[in-house]
Amino acid sequence: MVGENGDMSDAPSGENYRFFNHSACEFYPCHDMPAEDLNCLFCFCPLYRLGEDCGGNFTYVNGADGARIKDCSACTVPHRRENYDYIIGRLASR
């Protein structure tokens, strides 16, 4: 929206889209952290595809076929309210 001065001062900030807590989810809570900080927006981590460069706390486990699989169960990077800009920035740089 263009403001009265022809600028974007009246434009929506997008702040309402930065955080979502889905307390009705059958897997909730998926991490041991305060509900007011548990962001479900990136439930399926968009950084997973970055492999070892995701910036999260992960380990590798062996799958049934012996292949190494990233285990991100201890990682809370995508679930922390304050990491929205980090995640969007990482995706934009790819």
N, C-alpha and C. Protein backbone atom coordinates (compact mmCIF):
# COMPACT_ATOMS: atom_id res chain seq x y z
N MET A 1 0.83 -1.17 0.00
CA MET A 1 0.00 0.00 0.00
C MET A 1 0.88 1.24 0.00
N VAL A 2 0.56 2.15 -0.82
CA VAL A 2 1.30 3.40 -0.88
C VAL A 2 0.69 4.37 0.12
N GLY A 3 1.54 4.97 0.95
CA GLY A 3 1.08 5.92 1.97
C GLY A 3 0.72 7.26 1.36
N GLU A 4 0.25 8.17 2.22
CA GLU A 4 -0.15 9.51 1.78
C GLU A 4 0.99 10.28 1.13
N ASN A 5 2.21 10.00 1.55
CA ASN A 5 3.38 10.71 1.01
C ASN A 5 3.98 9.99 -0.19
N GLY A 6 3.28 9.00 -0.73
CA GLY A 6 3.80 8.27 -1.87
C GLY A 6 4.84 7.24 -1.51
N ASP A 7 5.01 6.96 -0.21
CA ASP A 7 5.99 5.97 0.22
C ASP A 7 5.27 4.69 0.64
N MET A 8 6.01 3.77 1.20
CA MET A 8 5.43 2.49 1.61
C MET A 8 5.16 2.45 3.11
N SER A 9 4.98 3.60 3.75
CA SER A 9 4.81 3.65 5.20
C SER A 9 3.57 2.92 5.68
N ASP A 10 2.57 2.79 4.84
CA ASP A 10 1.35 2.10 5.24
C ASP A 10 1.33 0.63 4.80
N ALA A 11 2.43 0.17 4.24
CA ALA A 11 2.50 -1.22 3.77
C ALA A 11 2.52 -2.18 4.95
N PRO A 12 1.88 -3.32 4.82
CA PRO A 12 1.94 -4.31 5.89
C PRO A 12 3.38 -4.72 6.17
N SER A 13 3.69 -4.95 7.43
CA SER A 13 5.07 -5.28 7.80
C SER A 13 5.39 -6.76 7.60
N GLY A 14 4.37 -7.60 7.55
CA GLY A 14 4.61 -9.03 7.42
C GLY A 14 4.93 -9.70 8.73
N GLU A 15 4.89 -8.95 9.82
CA GLU A 15 5.23 -9.50 11.13
C GLU A 15 4.31 -10.66 11.52
N ASN A 16 3.07 -10.66 11.07
CA ASN A 16 2.13 -11.71 11.44
C ASN A 16 2.44 -13.05 10.78
N TYR A 17 3.32 -13.05 9.80
CA TYR A 17 3.65 -14.27 9.08
C TYR A 17 4.95 -14.90 9.54
N ARG A 18 5.59 -14.33 10.54
CA ARG A 18 6.90 -14.78 11.00
C ARG A 18 6.82 -15.89 12.03
N PHE A 19 5.65 -16.08 12.63
CA PHE A 19 5.53 -17.02 13.74
C PHE A 19 4.18 -17.71 13.68
N PHE A 20 4.19 -19.02 13.92
CA PHE A 20 2.96 -19.80 13.96
C PHE A 20 3.17 -20.94 14.94
N ASN A 21 2.29 -21.06 15.93
CA ASN A 21 2.39 -22.13 16.91
C ASN A 21 1.16 -23.02 16.75
N HIS A 22 1.37 -24.25 16.33
CA HIS A 22 0.27 -25.18 16.02
C HIS A 22 0.08 -26.15 17.19
N SER A 23 -0.48 -25.65 18.26
CA SER A 23 -0.62 -26.45 19.47
C SER A 23 -1.62 -27.61 19.31
N ALA A 24 -2.43 -27.61 18.26
CA ALA A 24 -3.37 -28.70 18.03
C ALA A 24 -2.74 -29.86 17.25
N CYS A 25 -1.49 -29.72 16.83
CA CYS A 25 -0.81 -30.77 16.07
C CYS A 25 -0.65 -32.03 16.92
N GLU A 26 -0.84 -33.17 16.32
CA GLU A 26 -0.70 -34.43 17.05
C GLU A 26 0.72 -34.71 17.51
N PHE A 27 1.69 -34.02 16.96
CA PHE A 27 3.09 -34.20 17.36
C PHE A 27 3.57 -33.10 18.30
N TYR A 28 2.70 -32.19 18.66
CA TYR A 28 3.05 -31.04 19.50
C TYR A 28 3.15 -31.45 20.96
N PRO A 29 4.13 -31.01 21.68
CA PRO A 29 5.30 -30.28 21.20
C PRO A 29 6.34 -31.25 20.67
N CYS A 30 7.02 -30.88 19.64
CA CYS A 30 8.03 -31.74 19.03
C CYS A 30 9.41 -31.51 19.64
N HIS A 31 9.57 -30.39 20.34
CA HIS A 31 10.84 -30.06 20.99
C HIS A 31 10.55 -29.53 22.38
N ASP A 32 11.47 -29.76 23.30
CA ASP A 32 11.32 -29.30 24.67
C ASP A 32 11.77 -27.85 24.76
N MET A 33 10.83 -26.96 24.52
CA MET A 33 11.11 -25.53 24.58
C MET A 33 9.81 -24.81 24.92
N PRO A 34 9.88 -23.59 25.43
CA PRO A 34 8.66 -22.86 25.80
C PRO A 34 7.72 -22.67 24.61
N ALA A 35 6.43 -22.88 24.84
CA ALA A 35 5.43 -22.77 23.78
C ALA A 35 5.45 -21.41 23.10
N GLU A 36 5.73 -20.35 23.86
CA GLU A 36 5.73 -19.01 23.26
C GLU A 36 6.89 -18.80 22.30
N ASP A 37 7.87 -19.71 22.31
CA ASP A 37 9.01 -19.63 21.40
C ASP A 37 9.00 -20.70 20.33
N LEU A 38 8.12 -21.69 20.44
CA LEU A 38 8.10 -22.83 19.51
C LEU A 38 7.37 -22.45 18.22
N ASN A 39 8.14 -22.14 17.19
CA ASN A 39 7.60 -21.71 15.91
C ASN A 39 7.41 -22.93 15.01
N CYS A 40 6.18 -23.18 14.63
CA CYS A 40 5.85 -24.32 13.78
C CYS A 40 5.84 -23.95 12.28
N LEU A 41 6.16 -22.71 11.97
CA LEU A 41 6.14 -22.24 10.59
C LEU A 41 7.03 -23.09 9.69
N PHE A 42 8.21 -23.44 10.18
CA PHE A 42 9.14 -24.25 9.40
C PHE A 42 9.20 -25.67 9.96
N CYS A 43 8.05 -26.28 10.16
CA CYS A 43 7.97 -27.62 10.75
C CYS A 43 8.87 -28.60 10.01
N PHE A 44 8.76 -28.63 8.70
CA PHE A 44 9.67 -29.43 7.89
C PHE A 44 10.77 -28.48 7.45
N CYS A 45 11.92 -28.62 8.04
CA CYS A 45 13.00 -27.64 7.91
C CYS A 45 13.40 -27.39 6.46
N PRO A 46 13.28 -26.15 6.00
CA PRO A 46 13.69 -25.83 4.64
C PRO A 46 15.21 -25.84 4.46
N LEU A 47 15.96 -25.90 5.56
CA LEU A 47 17.42 -25.91 5.47
C LEU A 47 17.98 -27.32 5.35
N TYR A 48 17.14 -28.33 5.49
CA TYR A 48 17.60 -29.72 5.43
C TYR A 48 18.38 -29.99 4.15
N ARG A 49 17.91 -29.47 3.05
CA ARG A 49 18.54 -29.71 1.74
C ARG A 49 19.93 -29.11 1.63
N LEU A 50 20.31 -28.24 2.58
CA LEU A 50 21.64 -27.64 2.54
C LEU A 50 22.70 -28.58 3.11
N GLY A 51 22.29 -29.75 3.55
CA GLY A 51 23.24 -30.74 4.06
C GLY A 51 23.99 -30.23 5.27
N GLU A 52 25.30 -30.40 5.26
CA GLU A 52 26.12 -30.00 6.40
C GLU A 52 26.21 -28.49 6.57
N ASP A 53 25.77 -27.74 5.59
CA ASP A 53 25.83 -26.28 5.64
C ASP A 53 24.55 -25.64 6.18
N CYS A 54 23.68 -26.43 6.78
CA CYS A 54 22.40 -25.90 7.24
C CYS A 54 22.54 -24.98 8.45
N GLY A 55 23.58 -25.18 9.24
CA GLY A 55 23.78 -24.35 10.42
C GLY A 55 23.10 -24.87 11.66
N GLY A 56 22.49 -26.03 11.56
CA GLY A 56 21.77 -26.60 12.70
C GLY A 56 22.57 -27.65 13.45
N ASN A 57 21.97 -28.14 14.52
CA ASN A 57 22.57 -29.17 15.37
C ASN A 57 22.02 -30.53 14.93
N PHE A 58 22.78 -31.25 14.15
CA PHE A 58 22.32 -32.54 13.63
C PHE A 58 23.41 -33.58 13.79
N THR A 59 23.01 -34.82 13.64
CA THR A 59 23.94 -35.95 13.60
C THR A 59 23.55 -36.79 12.39
N TYR A 60 24.33 -37.82 12.13
CA TYR A 60 23.97 -38.76 11.08
C TYR A 60 23.65 -40.10 11.72
N VAL A 61 22.65 -40.77 11.19
CA VAL A 61 22.30 -42.12 11.59
C VAL A 61 22.34 -42.99 10.34
N ASN A 62 22.44 -44.28 10.53
CA ASN A 62 22.43 -45.21 9.40
C ASN A 62 21.01 -45.69 9.15
N GLY A 63 20.58 -45.55 7.91
CA GLY A 63 19.26 -46.03 7.53
C GLY A 63 19.26 -47.55 7.39
N ALA A 64 18.10 -48.12 7.15
CA ALA A 64 17.96 -49.57 7.02
C ALA A 64 18.84 -50.12 5.90
N ASP A 65 19.07 -49.31 4.87
CA ASP A 65 19.91 -49.75 3.76
C ASP A 65 21.38 -49.39 3.96
N GLY A 66 21.71 -48.85 5.14
CA GLY A 66 23.09 -48.49 5.45
C GLY A 66 23.47 -47.07 5.04
N ALA A 67 22.57 -46.38 4.34
CA ALA A 67 22.85 -45.01 3.92
C ALA A 67 22.81 -44.07 5.12
N ARG A 68 23.67 -43.05 5.09
CA ARG A 68 23.66 -42.05 6.16
C ARG A 68 22.51 -41.07 5.96
N ILE A 69 21.80 -40.83 7.03
CA ILE A 69 20.65 -39.93 7.01
C ILE A 69 20.83 -38.87 8.08
N LYS A 70 20.55 -37.63 7.75
CA LYS A 70 20.62 -36.56 8.74
C LYS A 70 19.52 -36.75 9.78
N ASP A 71 19.91 -36.72 11.04
CA ASP A 71 18.97 -36.77 12.15
C ASP A 71 18.94 -35.39 12.79
N CYS A 72 17.87 -34.68 12.59
CA CYS A 72 17.74 -33.30 13.06
C CYS A 72 16.86 -33.20 14.31
N SER A 73 16.60 -34.32 14.96
CA SER A 73 15.66 -34.32 16.08
C SER A 73 16.12 -33.45 17.25
N ALA A 74 17.40 -33.20 17.40
CA ALA A 74 17.89 -32.35 18.49
C ALA A 74 18.03 -30.89 18.07
N CYS A 75 17.72 -30.58 16.84
CA CYS A 75 17.91 -29.22 16.32
C CYS A 75 16.64 -28.39 16.52
N THR A 76 16.82 -27.19 17.03
CA THR A 76 15.68 -26.28 17.20
C THR A 76 15.83 -25.01 16.36
N VAL A 77 16.80 -24.96 15.48
CA VAL A 77 17.02 -23.75 14.66
C VAL A 77 15.74 -23.31 13.95
N PRO A 78 15.03 -24.17 13.22
CA PRO A 78 13.85 -23.69 12.50
C PRO A 78 12.66 -23.40 13.42
N HIS A 79 12.73 -23.85 14.67
CA HIS A 79 11.60 -23.70 15.58
C HIS A 79 11.72 -22.52 16.53
N ARG A 80 12.82 -21.81 16.48
CA ARG A 80 13.00 -20.66 17.37
C ARG A 80 12.50 -19.38 16.69
N ARG A 81 11.68 -18.68 17.40
CA ARG A 81 11.06 -17.45 16.90
C ARG A 81 12.09 -16.50 16.29
N GLU A 82 13.23 -16.35 16.94
CA GLU A 82 14.24 -15.37 16.52
C GLU A 82 15.02 -15.79 15.28
N ASN A 83 14.83 -17.01 14.78
CA ASN A 83 15.61 -17.49 13.63
C ASN A 83 14.92 -17.30 12.28
N TYR A 84 13.78 -16.64 12.24
CA TYR A 84 13.07 -16.44 10.97
C TYR A 84 13.97 -15.76 9.94
N ASP A 85 14.59 -14.65 10.32
CA ASP A 85 15.44 -13.91 9.37
C ASP A 85 16.64 -14.74 8.92
N TYR A 86 17.19 -15.55 9.83
CA TYR A 86 18.32 -16.42 9.48
C TYR A 86 17.90 -17.40 8.38
N ILE A 87 16.76 -18.04 8.57
CA ILE A 87 16.29 -19.05 7.62
C ILE A 87 15.98 -18.41 6.26
N ILE A 88 15.25 -17.32 6.27
CA ILE A 88 14.91 -16.64 5.02
C ILE A 88 16.18 -16.18 4.31
N GLY A 89 17.14 -15.68 5.07
CA GLY A 89 18.41 -15.24 4.49
C GLY A 89 19.19 -16.38 3.86
N ARG A 90 19.21 -17.53 4.53
CA ARG A 90 19.91 -18.70 3.98
C ARG A 90 19.25 -19.17 2.70
N LEU A 91 17.93 -19.17 2.67
CA LEU A 91 17.22 -19.61 1.46
C LEU A 91 17.42 -18.62 0.32
N ALA A 92 17.44 -17.35 0.62
CA ALA A 92 17.62 -16.32 -0.40
C ALA A 92 19.02 -16.35 -1.00
N SER A 93 20.00 -16.81 -0.22
CA SER A 93 21.38 -16.83 -0.72
C SER A 93 21.68 -18.04 -1.58
N ARG A 94 20.75 -18.96 -1.69
CA ARG A 94 20.96 -20.19 -2.48
C ARG A 94 20.43 -20.03 -3.85
